[in-house]
Amino acid sequence: PGKDTLFNLPAFCIAMLITALLAFGIKESKRVNNVVVLIKVGVVLLFIAIGVWHVKPVNWQPALPFGFSGVFHGAAIVFFSFIGFDAVTCAAEEVKNPAKDIPRGVIWSLAVCSLMYVVVAAIMTGIVPYLQFAGVDHPVSLALQVAKLDWFAGFVDLGAILGMMTVILVMTYGQTRILFAMSRDGLLPKIFSEVNPKYGTPYKATWLIGTIIALLAGLVPLHTLAELVNIGTLAAFTLIALSVIVLRKREPDLPRKFVCPAVPTIPGLAILFCGFLMTQLSLLTWACFAAWLAIGLVVYFGYSRRNSLLHNPA
């Protein structure tokens, strides 16, 4: 604590370990993820059950210490916690009944986790005055230490580590499947859609994405990564919402397993809210996003457009 390093070796090693797990097969990854999620949820529920008795409502005053601007800026940062839910859709081809299971998986996981987020945050700030969380990277265990529950703080730290590992696993899995689909459609070289005959996974795409993630985790500060991930995901959500409106207009009779209701109202609200949250992020984040977008446009117009199977049907 208090010392700066040039490379975060534990973060790099954990990311590479998860990459190896994903490369060896989705069944093995699923088993590990299920076990870790059960442990993580159990720790969160235990924290709620124990911590609620140590809440002091006076710590919730004032309700908005930084005004609505603080709420909006905080929402733009904490959005990082809601990114994993869209990764459920990346498994559509590997789900038995995607028409029913995918929408249910997204909606129920989002609803349950959102409720748990709110409850945990309320208990934490009810135990510890919000100003004491400044610069603390273990807020939940800090709340337990203030409540004189040091014996439980270690379990919470373990749950937090396991929780982050499941996020890395799910997001790495989702990105590799996106690359796989793009490669199969001609938008990226075919190497990304090559499947290992033994394990049935896009192993080359998995190792490439996993290595990039590991290097970013080792070299880039967490708060910078969080903002970069947020702005990229918000931009992607905005384009997806726009695509729903365009496709509903151009292809109204296209077969759809799941139909977004109230178009264009719901996609329009998604565009509005995502755009607003993007405006709350820093100028440095916007500059990095612009550079990354420029690289993506070069790849698209230099390779993807002329090789796209949709653009150039056989």
C-alpha atoms as a PDB file:
ATOM      1  CA  PRO A   1       0.000   0.000   0.000  1.00  0.00           C
ATOM      2  CA  GLY A   2       1.192   3.485  -0.876  1.00  0.00           C
ATOM      3  CA  LYS A   3       3.804   2.259  -3.360  1.00  0.00           C
ATOM      4  CA  ASP A   4       3.509   2.585  -7.127  1.00  0.00           C
ATOM      5  CA  THR A   5       4.599  -0.189  -9.503  1.00  0.00           C
ATOM      6  CA  LEU A   6       5.152  -0.329 -13.255  1.00  0.00           C
ATOM      7  CA  PHE A   7       3.490  -3.723 -13.741  1.00  0.00           C
ATOM      8  CA  ASN A   8       0.671  -5.467 -11.875  1.00  0.00           C
ATOM      9  CA  LEU A   9       1.898  -9.058 -12.006  1.00  0.00           C
ATOM     10  CA  PRO A  10      -1.008 -10.680 -10.056  1.00  0.00           C
ATOM     11  CA  ALA A  11      -3.560  -9.080 -12.401  1.00  0.00           C
ATOM     12  CA  PHE A  12      -1.618 -10.287 -15.445  1.00  0.00           C
ATOM     13  CA  CYS A  13      -1.325 -13.855 -14.112  1.00  0.00           C
ATOM     14  CA  ILE A  14      -5.016 -14.090 -13.168  1.00  0.00           C
ATOM     15  CA  ALA A  15      -6.104 -12.874 -16.615  1.00  0.00           C
ATOM     16  CA  MET A  16      -3.842 -15.400 -18.360  1.00  0.00           C
ATOM     17  CA  LEU A  17      -5.058 -18.219 -16.094  1.00  0.00           C
ATOM     18  CA  ILE A  18      -8.672 -17.421 -17.001  1.00  0.00           C
ATOM     19  CA  THR A  19      -7.710 -17.263 -20.682  1.00  0.00           C
ATOM     20  CA  ALA A  20      -6.272 -20.764 -20.453  1.00  0.00           C
ATOM     21  CA  LEU A  21      -9.448 -21.980 -18.762  1.00  0.00           C
ATOM     22  CA  LEU A  22     -11.585 -20.554 -21.582  1.00  0.00           C
ATOM     23  CA  ALA A  23      -9.317 -22.037 -24.243  1.00  0.00           C
ATOM     24  CA  PHE A  24      -9.779 -25.532 -22.811  1.00  0.00           C
ATOM     25  CA  GLY A  25     -13.562 -25.546 -23.156  1.00  0.00           C
ATOM     26  CA  ILE A  26     -16.818 -23.833 -22.259  1.00  0.00           C
ATOM     27  CA  LYS A  27     -18.053 -26.684 -20.023  1.00  0.00           C
ATOM     28  CA  GLU A  28     -15.037 -26.405 -17.741  1.00  0.00           C
ATOM     29  CA  SER A  29     -15.383 -22.620 -17.663  1.00  0.00           C
ATOM     30  CA  LYS A  30     -19.076 -22.918 -16.835  1.00  0.00           C
ATOM     31  CA  ARG A  31     -18.426 -25.257 -13.904  1.00  0.00           C
ATOM     32  CA  VAL A  32     -15.792 -22.989 -12.412  1.00  0.00           C
ATOM     33  CA  ASN A  33     -17.955 -19.904 -12.964  1.00  0.00           C
ATOM     34  CA  ASN A  34     -20.996 -21.514 -11.316  1.00  0.00           C
ATOM     35  CA  VAL A  35     -19.028 -22.490  -8.206  1.00  0.00           C
ATOM     36  CA  VAL A  36     -17.418 -19.061  -7.878  1.00  0.00           C
ATOM     37  CA  VAL A  37     -20.732 -17.255  -8.396  1.00  0.00           C
ATOM     38  CA  LEU A  38     -22.357 -19.319  -5.622  1.00  0.00           C
ATOM     39  CA  ILE A  39     -19.523 -18.388  -3.257  1.00  0.00           C
ATOM     40  CA  LYS A  40     -19.708 -14.732  -4.263  1.00  0.00           C
ATOM     41  CA  VAL A  41     -23.478 -14.471  -3.843  1.00  0.00           C
ATOM     42  CA  GLY A  42     -23.257 -16.274  -0.516  1.00  0.00           C
ATOM     43  CA  VAL A  43     -20.705 -13.751   0.767  1.00  0.00           C
ATOM     44  CA  VAL A  44     -22.861 -10.819  -0.382  1.00  0.00           C
ATOM     45  CA  LEU A  45     -25.999 -12.214   1.266  1.00  0.00           C
ATOM     46  CA  LEU A  46     -24.083 -12.886   4.475  1.00  0.00           C
ATOM     47  CA  PHE A  47     -22.761  -9.305   4.452  1.00  0.00           C
ATOM     48  CA  ILE A  48     -26.317  -7.993   4.067  1.00  0.00           C
ATOM     49  CA  ALA A  49     -27.624 -10.216   6.863  1.00  0.00           C
ATOM     50  CA  ILE A  50     -24.863  -9.188   9.289  1.00  0.00           C
ATOM     51  CA  GLY A  51     -24.199  -5.598   8.245  1.00  0.00           C
ATOM     52  CA  VAL A  52     -27.806  -4.396   8.345  1.00  0.00           C
ATOM     53  CA  TRP A  53     -27.732  -4.511  12.162  1.00  0.00           C
ATOM     54  CA  HIS A  54     -24.840  -2.018  12.291  1.00  0.00           C
ATOM     55  CA  VAL A  55     -26.369   0.681  10.084  1.00  0.00           C
ATOM     56  CA  LYS A  56     -26.653   4.182  11.516  1.00  0.00           C
ATOM     57  CA  PRO A  57     -29.225   6.174   9.460  1.00  0.00           C
ATOM     58  CA  VAL A  58     -27.481   9.437  10.430  1.00  0.00           C
ATOM     59  CA  ASN A  59     -24.641   8.453   8.070  1.00  0.00           C
ATOM     60  CA  TRP A  60     -27.049   8.793   5.134  1.00  0.00           C
ATOM     61  CA  GLN A  61     -27.296  12.532   5.707  1.00  0.00           C
ATOM     62  CA  PRO A  62     -27.087  14.518   3.504  1.00  0.00           C
ATOM     63  CA  ALA A  63     -28.713  12.292   0.892  1.00  0.00           C
ATOM     64  CA  LEU A  64     -26.968  14.001  -2.058  1.00  0.00           C
ATOM     65  CA  PRO A  65     -23.732  15.494  -0.666  1.00  0.00           C
ATOM     66  CA  PHE A  66     -22.423  16.368  -4.161  1.00  0.00           C
ATOM     67  CA  GLY A  67     -25.769  17.226  -5.725  1.00  0.00           C
ATOM     68  CA  PHE A  68     -27.134  15.689  -8.902  1.00  0.00           C
ATOM     69  CA  SER A  69     -23.871  16.344 -10.745  1.00  0.00           C
ATOM     70  CA  GLY A  70     -22.200  13.948  -8.315  1.00  0.00           C
ATOM     71  CA  VAL A  71     -24.928  11.385  -8.925  1.00  0.00           C
ATOM     72  CA  PHE A  72     -24.516  11.616 -12.701  1.00  0.00           C
ATOM     73  CA  HIS A  73     -20.715  11.424 -12.545  1.00  0.00           C
ATOM     74  CA  GLY A  74     -20.944   8.474 -10.181  1.00  0.00           C
ATOM     75  CA  ALA A  75     -23.417   6.740 -12.512  1.00  0.00           C
ATOM     76  CA  ALA A  76     -20.986   7.132 -15.413  1.00  0.00           C
ATOM     77  CA  ILE A  77     -18.275   5.405 -13.337  1.00  0.00           C
ATOM     78  CA  VAL A  78     -20.374   2.711 -11.651  1.00  0.00           C
ATOM     79  CA  PHE A  79     -21.791   1.736 -15.043  1.00  0.00           C
ATOM     80  CA  PHE A  80     -18.744  -0.527 -15.161  1.00  0.00           C
ATOM     81  CA  SER A  81     -20.608  -2.845 -12.775  1.00  0.00           C
ATOM     82  CA  PHE A  82     -23.481  -3.379 -15.211  1.00  0.00           C
ATOM     83  CA  ILE A  83     -21.486  -4.330 -18.296  1.00  0.00           C
ATOM     84  CA  GLY A  84     -21.361  -8.104 -17.826  1.00  0.00           C
ATOM     85  CA  PHE A  85     -25.085  -8.616 -18.386  1.00  0.00           C
ATOM     86  CA  ASP A  86     -24.884  -8.046 -22.148  1.00  0.00           C
ATOM     87  CA  ALA A  87     -22.301 -10.837 -22.349  1.00  0.00           C
ATOM     88  CA  VAL A  88     -25.188 -13.280 -21.860  1.00  0.00           C
ATOM     89  CA  THR A  89     -26.259 -12.586 -25.445  1.00  0.00           C
ATOM     90  CA  CYS A  90     -22.835 -13.635 -26.737  1.00  0.00           C
ATOM     91  CA  ALA A  91     -23.659 -17.226 -25.747  1.00  0.00           C
ATOM     92  CA  ALA A  92     -26.794 -17.347 -27.940  1.00  0.00           C
ATOM     93  CA  GLU A  93     -25.363 -20.028 -30.266  1.00  0.00           C
ATOM     94  CA  GLU A  94     -24.439 -22.253 -27.331  1.00  0.00           C
ATOM     95  CA  VAL A  95     -27.820 -22.066 -25.552  1.00  0.00           C
ATOM     96  CA  LYS A  96     -30.509 -24.743 -26.002  1.00  0.00           C
ATOM     97  CA  ASN A  97     -33.440 -22.324 -26.245  1.00  0.00           C
ATOM     98  CA  PRO A  98     -32.037 -18.839 -26.912  1.00  0.00           C
ATOM     99  CA  ALA A  99     -35.433 -17.305 -27.708  1.00  0.00           C
ATOM    100  CA  LYS A 100     -36.529 -17.776 -24.080  1.00  0.00           C
ATOM    101  CA  ASP A 101     -33.331 -18.326 -22.103  1.00  0.00           C
ATOM    102  CA  ILE A 102     -31.365 -15.274 -23.319  1.00  0.00           C
ATOM    103  CA  PRO A 103     -34.013 -12.611 -22.489  1.00  0.00           C
ATOM    104  CA  ARG A 104     -34.753 -14.272 -19.151  1.00  0.00           C
ATOM    105  CA  GLY A 105     -31.061 -14.550 -18.313  1.00  0.00           C
ATOM    106  CA  VAL A 106     -30.416 -10.873 -19.070  1.00  0.00           C
ATOM    107  CA  ILE A 107     -33.487  -9.463 -17.327  1.00  0.00           C
ATOM    108  CA  TRP A 108     -33.386 -11.635 -14.204  1.00  0.00           C
ATOM    109  CA  SER A 109     -29.642 -11.339 -13.646  1.00  0.00           C
ATOM    110  CA  LEU A 110     -29.831  -7.573 -14.126  1.00  0.00           C
ATOM    111  CA  ALA A 111     -32.790  -7.206 -11.742  1.00  0.00           C
ATOM    112  CA  VAL A 112     -31.354  -9.400  -8.973  1.00  0.00           C
ATOM    113  CA  CYS A 113     -27.849  -7.930  -9.123  1.00  0.00           C
ATOM    114  CA  SER A 114     -29.127  -4.342  -9.277  1.00  0.00           C
ATOM    115  CA  LEU A 115     -31.136  -4.937  -6.115  1.00  0.00           C
ATOM    116  CA  MET A 116     -28.098  -6.443  -4.391  1.00  0.00           C
ATOM    117  CA  TYR A 117     -25.904  -3.517  -5.509  1.00  0.00           C
ATOM    118  CA  VAL A 118     -28.315  -0.986  -4.020  1.00  0.00           C
ATOM    119  CA  VAL A 119     -28.736  -2.860  -0.745  1.00  0.00           C
ATOM    120  CA  VAL A 120     -24.983  -3.398  -0.268  1.00  0.00           C
ATOM    121  CA  ALA A 121     -24.216   0.262  -1.061  1.00  0.00           C
ATOM    122  CA  ALA A 122     -26.892   1.427   1.381  1.00  0.00           C
ATOM    123  CA  ILE A 123     -25.533  -0.779   4.176  1.00  0.00           C
ATOM    124  CA  MET A 124     -21.925   0.261   3.522  1.00  0.00           C
ATOM    125  CA  THR A 125     -22.708   3.975   3.648  1.00  0.00           C
ATOM    126  CA  GLY A 126     -24.949   3.386   6.646  1.00  0.00           C
ATOM    127  CA  ILE A 127     -22.067   1.859   8.600  1.00  0.00           C
ATOM    128  CA  VAL A 128     -19.268   4.194   7.454  1.00  0.00           C
ATOM    129  CA  PRO A 129     -19.638   7.929   6.638  1.00  0.00           C
ATOM    130  CA  TYR A 130     -19.169   8.302   2.879  1.00  0.00           C
ATOM    131  CA  LEU A 131     -16.107  10.580   3.183  1.00  0.00           C
ATOM    132  CA  GLN A 132     -14.123   7.773   4.804  1.00  0.00           C
ATOM    133  CA  PHE A 133     -14.331   5.710   1.595  1.00  0.00           C
ATOM    134  CA  ALA A 134     -12.091   8.169  -0.296  1.00  0.00           C
ATOM    135  CA  GLY A 135      -9.054   6.345  -1.703  1.00  0.00           C
ATOM    136  CA  VAL A 136     -10.136   2.991  -0.224  1.00  0.00           C
ATOM    137  CA  ASP A 137      -9.976  -0.006  -2.578  1.00  0.00           C
ATOM    138  CA  HIS A 138     -11.683  -2.427  -0.163  1.00  0.00           C
ATOM    139  CA  PRO A 139     -14.843  -0.520   0.919  1.00  0.00           C
ATOM    140  CA  VAL A 140     -16.922  -3.531   1.993  1.00  0.00           C
ATOM    141  CA  SER A 141     -14.262  -4.950   4.295  1.00  0.00           C
ATOM    142  CA  LEU A 142     -13.657  -1.430   5.652  1.00  0.00           C
ATOM    143  CA  ALA A 143     -17.315  -1.256   6.652  1.00  0.00           C
ATOM    144  CA  LEU A 144     -16.972  -4.574   8.457  1.00  0.00           C
ATOM    145  CA  GLN A 145     -13.841  -3.403  10.275  1.00  0.00           C
ATOM    146  CA  VAL A 146     -15.646  -0.265  11.450  1.00  0.00           C
ATOM    147  CA  ALA A 147     -18.504  -2.503  12.637  1.00  0.00           C
ATOM    148  CA  LYS A 148     -15.954  -4.560  14.623  1.00  0.00           C
ATOM    149  CA  LEU A 149     -16.494  -7.591  12.410  1.00  0.00           C
ATOM    150  CA  ASP A 150     -12.857  -8.171  11.443  1.00  0.00           C
ATOM    151  CA  TRP A 151     -13.364 -11.939  11.381  1.00  0.00           C
ATOM    152  CA  PHE A 152     -15.729 -11.538   8.418  1.00  0.00           C
ATOM    153  CA  ALA A 153     -13.693  -8.916   6.525  1.00  0.00           C
ATOM    154  CA  GLY A 154     -11.296 -11.556   5.196  1.00  0.00           C
ATOM    155  CA  PHE A 155     -14.170 -13.579   3.741  1.00  0.00           C
ATOM    156  CA  VAL A 156     -15.505 -10.468   2.020  1.00  0.00           C
ATOM    157  CA  ASP A 157     -12.114  -9.720   0.477  1.00  0.00           C
ATOM    158  CA  LEU A 158     -12.000 -13.294  -0.809  1.00  0.00           C
ATOM    159  CA  GLY A 159     -15.505 -12.912  -2.229  1.00  0.00           C
ATOM    160  CA  ALA A 160     -14.503  -9.662  -3.935  1.00  0.00           C
ATOM    161  CA  ILE A 161     -11.501 -11.317  -5.579  1.00  0.00           C
ATOM    162  CA  LEU A 162     -13.583 -14.265  -6.748  1.00  0.00           C
ATOM    163  CA  GLY A 163     -16.242 -11.861  -7.978  1.00  0.00           C
ATOM    164  CA  MET A 164     -13.760  -9.976 -10.133  1.00  0.00           C
ATOM    165  CA  MET A 165     -12.495 -13.270 -11.542  1.00  0.00           C
ATOM    166  CA  THR A 166     -15.981 -14.214 -12.744  1.00  0.00           C
ATOM    167  CA  VAL A 167     -16.287 -10.815 -14.434  1.00  0.00           C
ATOM    168  CA  ILE A 168     -12.970 -11.344 -16.232  1.00  0.00           C
ATOM    169  CA  LEU A 169     -14.072 -14.821 -17.309  1.00  0.00           C
ATOM    170  CA  VAL A 170     -17.461 -13.719 -18.651  1.00  0.00           C
ATOM    171  CA  MET A 171     -16.169 -10.625 -20.443  1.00  0.00           C
ATOM    172  CA  THR A 172     -13.236 -12.477 -22.026  1.00  0.00           C
ATOM    173  CA  TYR A 173     -15.635 -15.174 -23.173  1.00  0.00           C
ATOM    174  CA  GLY A 174     -17.997 -12.581 -24.641  1.00  0.00           C
ATOM    175  CA  GLN A 175     -15.268 -10.747 -26.541  1.00  0.00           C
ATOM    176  CA  THR A 176     -13.875 -13.940 -28.078  1.00  0.00           C
ATOM    177  CA  ARG A 177     -17.342 -14.902 -29.332  1.00  0.00           C
ATOM    178  CA  ILE A 178     -17.810 -11.444 -30.846  1.00  0.00           C
ATOM    179  CA  LEU A 179     -14.494 -11.807 -32.694  1.00  0.00           C
ATOM    180  CA  PHE A 180     -15.537 -15.312 -33.771  1.00  0.00           C
ATOM    181  CA  ALA A 181     -18.825 -14.042 -35.242  1.00  0.00           C
ATOM    182  CA  MET A 182     -17.157 -11.069 -36.955  1.00  0.00           C
ATOM    183  CA  SER A 183     -14.511 -13.339 -38.468  1.00  0.00           C
ATOM    184  CA  ARG A 184     -17.114 -15.817 -39.702  1.00  0.00           C
ATOM    185  CA  ASP A 185     -18.986 -12.934 -41.353  1.00  0.00           C
ATOM    186  CA  GLY A 186     -15.816 -11.773 -43.105  1.00  0.00           C
ATOM    187  CA  LEU A 187     -15.279  -8.622 -41.020  1.00  0.00           C
ATOM    188  CA  LEU A 188     -12.012  -9.958 -39.574  1.00  0.00           C
ATOM    189  CA  PRO A 189      -9.433 -12.506 -40.821  1.00  0.00           C
ATOM    190  CA  LYS A 190     -10.513 -16.154 -40.728  1.00  0.00           C
ATOM    191  CA  ILE A 191      -7.909 -16.971 -38.106  1.00  0.00           C
ATOM    192  CA  PHE A 192     -10.306 -15.623 -35.450  1.00  0.00           C
ATOM    193  CA  SER A 193     -13.021 -18.150 -36.324  1.00  0.00           C
ATOM    194  CA  GLU A 194     -10.775 -21.214 -36.324  1.00  0.00           C
ATOM    195  CA  VAL A 195     -12.036 -23.720 -33.736  1.00  0.00           C
ATOM    196  CA  ASN A 196      -9.852 -26.134 -31.825  1.00  0.00           C
ATOM    197  CA  PRO A 197     -11.065 -29.629 -32.872  1.00  0.00           C
ATOM    198  CA  LYS A 198     -10.376 -31.090 -29.429  1.00  0.00           C
ATOM    199  CA  TYR A 199     -11.886 -28.414 -27.174  1.00  0.00           C
ATOM    200  CA  GLY A 200     -14.402 -26.834 -29.577  1.00  0.00           C
ATOM    201  CA  THR A 201     -13.332 -23.259 -28.761  1.00  0.00           C
ATOM    202  CA  PRO A 202     -12.013 -20.401 -30.929  1.00  0.00           C
ATOM    203  CA  TYR A 203      -8.623 -20.850 -29.299  1.00  0.00           C
ATOM    204  CA  LYS A 204      -6.619 -18.363 -31.384  1.00  0.00           C
ATOM    205  CA  ALA A 205      -9.109 -15.560 -30.725  1.00  0.00           C
ATOM    206  CA  THR A 206      -9.229 -16.569 -27.059  1.00  0.00           C
ATOM    207  CA  TRP A 207      -5.453 -16.424 -26.581  1.00  0.00           C
ATOM    208  CA  LEU A 208      -5.157 -13.133 -28.485  1.00  0.00           C
ATOM    209  CA  ILE A 209      -7.910 -11.377 -26.509  1.00  0.00           C
ATOM    210  CA  GLY A 210      -6.760 -12.881 -23.225  1.00  0.00           C
ATOM    211  CA  THR A 211      -3.187 -11.712 -23.754  1.00  0.00           C
ATOM    212  CA  ILE A 212      -4.312  -8.175 -24.615  1.00  0.00           C
ATOM    213  CA  ILE A 213      -6.540  -8.071 -21.527  1.00  0.00           C
ATOM    214  CA  ALA A 214      -3.711  -9.351 -19.330  1.00  0.00           C
ATOM    215  CA  LEU A 215      -1.283  -6.720 -20.635  1.00  0.00           C
ATOM    216  CA  LEU A 216      -3.825  -3.933 -20.114  1.00  0.00           C
ATOM    217  CA  ALA A 217      -4.503  -5.189 -16.588  1.00  0.00           C
ATOM    218  CA  GLY A 218      -0.790  -5.226 -15.845  1.00  0.00           C
ATOM    219  CA  LEU A 219       0.089  -1.825 -17.314  1.00  0.00           C
ATOM    220  CA  VAL A 220      -2.941   0.511 -17.094  1.00  0.00           C
ATOM    221  CA  PRO A 221      -4.361   1.891 -13.783  1.00  0.00           C
ATOM    222  CA  LEU A 222      -7.761   0.469 -12.829  1.00  0.00           C
ATOM    223  CA  HIS A 223      -9.641   3.788 -12.772  1.00  0.00           C
ATOM    224  CA  THR A 224      -8.411   4.584 -16.302  1.00  0.00           C
ATOM    225  CA  LEU A 225      -9.427   1.154 -17.550  1.00  0.00           C
ATOM    226  CA  ALA A 226     -12.874   1.521 -15.974  1.00  0.00           C
ATOM    227  CA  GLU A 227     -13.591   4.787 -17.788  1.00  0.00           C
ATOM    228  CA  LEU A 228     -12.296   3.434 -21.107  1.00  0.00           C
ATOM    229  CA  VAL A 229     -14.446   0.321 -20.803  1.00  0.00           C
ATOM    230  CA  ASN A 230     -17.456   2.441 -19.865  1.00  0.00           C
ATOM    231  CA  ILE A 231     -17.246   4.825 -22.805  1.00  0.00           C
ATOM    232  CA  GLY A 232     -16.692   1.985 -25.262  1.00  0.00           C
ATOM    233  CA  THR A 233     -19.632   0.003 -23.936  1.00  0.00           C
ATOM    234  CA  LEU A 234     -21.927   3.034 -23.789  1.00  0.00           C
ATOM    235  CA  ALA A 235     -21.052   3.821 -27.403  1.00  0.00           C
ATOM    236  CA  ALA A 236     -21.754   0.212 -28.397  1.00  0.00           C
ATOM    237  CA  PHE A 237     -25.107   0.241 -26.579  1.00  0.00           C
ATOM    238  CA  THR A 238     -26.001   3.478 -28.353  1.00  0.00           C
ATOM    239  CA  LEU A 239     -25.261   1.975 -31.774  1.00  0.00           C
ATOM    240  CA  ILE A 240     -27.194  -1.200 -30.914  1.00  0.00           C
ATOM    241  CA  ALA A 241     -30.246   0.827 -29.904  1.00  0.00           C
ATOM    242  CA  LEU A 242     -29.965   2.822 -33.128  1.00  0.00           C
ATOM    243  CA  SER A 243     -29.658  -0.407 -35.120  1.00  0.00           C
ATOM    244  CA  VAL A 244     -32.870  -1.725 -33.567  1.00  0.00           C
ATOM    245  CA  ILE A 245     -34.736   1.338 -34.806  1.00  0.00           C
ATOM    246  CA  VAL A 246     -33.193   1.160 -38.293  1.00  0.00           C
ATOM    247  CA  LEU A 247     -33.760  -2.586 -38.714  1.00  0.00           C
ATOM    248  CA  ARG A 248     -37.356  -2.363 -37.494  1.00  0.00           C
ATOM    249  CA  LYS A 249     -37.940   0.261 -40.192  1.00  0.00           C
ATOM    250  CA  ARG A 250     -36.032  -1.405 -43.029  1.00  0.00           C
ATOM    251  CA  GLU A 251     -36.809  -5.059 -42.219  1.00  0.00           C
ATOM    252  CA  PRO A 252     -40.160  -5.070 -40.394  1.00  0.00           C
ATOM    253  CA  ASP A 253     -40.889  -8.712 -41.350  1.00  0.00           C
ATOM    254  CA  LEU A 254     -37.461 -10.114 -40.471  1.00  0.00           C
ATOM    255  CA  PRO A 255     -37.846 -13.225 -38.223  1.00  0.00           C
ATOM    256  CA  ARG A 256     -36.877 -12.290 -34.652  1.00  0.00           C
ATOM    257  CA  LYS A 257     -36.464 -14.635 -31.693  1.00  0.00           C
ATOM    258  CA  PHE A 258     -36.873 -11.737 -29.302  1.00  0.00           C
ATOM    259  CA  VAL A 259     -38.712  -8.537 -30.192  1.00  0.00           C
ATOM    260  CA  CYS A 260     -37.865  -5.273 -28.428  1.00  0.00           C
ATOM    261  CA  PRO A 261     -41.150  -3.689 -27.308  1.00  0.00           C
ATOM    262  CA  ALA A 262     -42.197  -0.054 -27.797  1.00  0.00           C
ATOM    263  CA  VAL A 263     -39.857   0.782 -30.683  1.00  0.00           C
ATOM    264  CA  PRO A 264     -38.644   3.524 -31.126  1.00  0.00           C
ATOM    265  CA  THR A 265     -39.411   4.712 -27.564  1.00  0.00           C
ATOM    266  CA  ILE A 266     -37.268   2.223 -25.604  1.00  0.00           C
ATOM    267  CA  PRO A 267     -34.270   2.309 -28.007  1.00  0.00           C
ATOM    268  CA  GLY A 268     -34.596   6.104 -28.121  1.00  0.00           C
ATOM    269  CA  LEU A 269     -34.407   6.329 -24.340  1.00  0.00           C
ATOM    270  CA  ALA A 270     -31.382   4.002 -24.377  1.00  0.00           C
ATOM    271  CA  ILE A 271     -29.625   6.320 -26.838  1.00  0.00           C
ATOM    272  CA  LEU A 272     -30.485   9.355 -24.715  1.00  0.00           C
ATOM    273  CA  PHE A 273     -29.335   7.863 -21.400  1.00  0.00           C
ATOM    274  CA  CYS A 274     -26.149   6.290 -22.789  1.00  0.00           C
ATOM    275  CA  GLY A 275     -25.213   9.523 -24.539  1.00  0.00           C
ATOM    276  CA  PHE A 276     -25.779  11.482 -21.353  1.00  0.00           C
ATOM    277  CA  LEU A 277     -23.575   9.168 -19.285  1.00  0.00           C
ATOM    278  CA  MET A 278     -20.823   9.467 -21.875  1.00  0.00           C
ATOM    279  CA  THR A 279     -20.793  13.243 -21.400  1.00  0.00           C
ATOM    280  CA  GLN A 280     -19.957  12.706 -17.705  1.00  0.00           C
ATOM    281  CA  LEU A 281     -16.610  11.051 -18.474  1.00  0.00           C
ATOM    282  CA  SER A 282     -13.255  12.848 -18.586  1.00  0.00           C
ATOM    283  CA  LEU A 283     -11.660  14.514 -21.620  1.00  0.00           C
ATOM    284  CA  LEU A 284      -8.760  12.044 -21.506  1.00  0.00           C
ATOM    285  CA  THR A 285     -11.239   9.183 -21.798  1.00  0.00           C
ATOM    286  CA  TRP A 286     -12.855  10.859 -24.802  1.00  0.00           C
ATOM    287  CA  ALA A 287      -9.448  11.368 -26.434  1.00  0.00           C
ATOM    288  CA  CYS A 288      -8.546   7.684 -26.006  1.00  0.00           C
ATOM    289  CA  PHE A 289     -11.982   6.688 -27.281  1.00  0.00           C
ATOM    290  CA  ALA A 290     -11.510   8.844 -30.397  1.00  0.00           C
ATOM    291  CA  ALA A 291      -8.133   7.223 -31.094  1.00  0.00           C
ATOM    292  CA  TRP A 292      -9.551   3.720 -30.619  1.00  0.00           C
ATOM    293  CA  LEU A 293     -12.542   4.567 -32.837  1.00  0.00           C
ATOM    294  CA  ALA A 294     -10.182   5.842 -35.547  1.00  0.00           C
ATOM    295  CA  ILE A 295      -8.306   2.526 -35.471  1.00  0.00           C
ATOM    296  CA  GLY A 296     -11.605   0.667 -35.763  1.00  0.00           C
ATOM    297  CA  LEU A 297     -12.655   2.750 -38.779  1.00  0.00           C
ATOM    298  CA  VAL A 298      -9.338   2.049 -40.490  1.00  0.00           C
ATOM    299  CA  VAL A 299      -9.841  -1.705 -39.970  1.00  0.00           C
ATOM    300  CA  TYR A 300     -13.427  -1.491 -41.214  1.00  0.00           C
ATOM    301  CA  PHE A 301     -12.800   0.498 -44.392  1.00  0.00           C
ATOM    302  CA  GLY A 302      -9.400  -1.085 -45.028  1.00  0.00           C
ATOM    303  CA  TYR A 303     -10.443  -4.732 -44.581  1.00  0.00           C
ATOM    304  CA  SER A 304     -13.910  -5.459 -43.217  1.00  0.00           C
ATOM    305  CA  ARG A 305     -16.091  -3.690 -45.774  1.00  0.00           C
ATOM    306  CA  ARG A 306     -14.597  -5.327 -48.850  1.00  0.00           C
ATOM    307  CA  ASN A 307     -14.482  -8.787 -47.228  1.00  0.00           C
ATOM    308  CA  SER A 308     -17.891  -8.711 -45.539  1.00  0.00           C
ATOM    309  CA  LEU A 309     -20.126 -11.600 -46.586  1.00  0.00           C
ATOM    310  CA  LEU A 310     -23.182  -9.417 -46.058  1.00  0.00           C
ATOM    311  CA  HIS A 311     -21.766  -6.632 -48.224  1.00  0.00           C
ATOM    312  CA  ASN A 312     -20.494  -9.052 -50.887  1.00  0.00           C
ATOM    313  CA  PRO A 313     -22.851 -12.058 -50.893  1.00  0.00           C
ATOM    314  CA  ALA A 314     -21.524 -15.083 -52.755  1.00  0.00           C
END
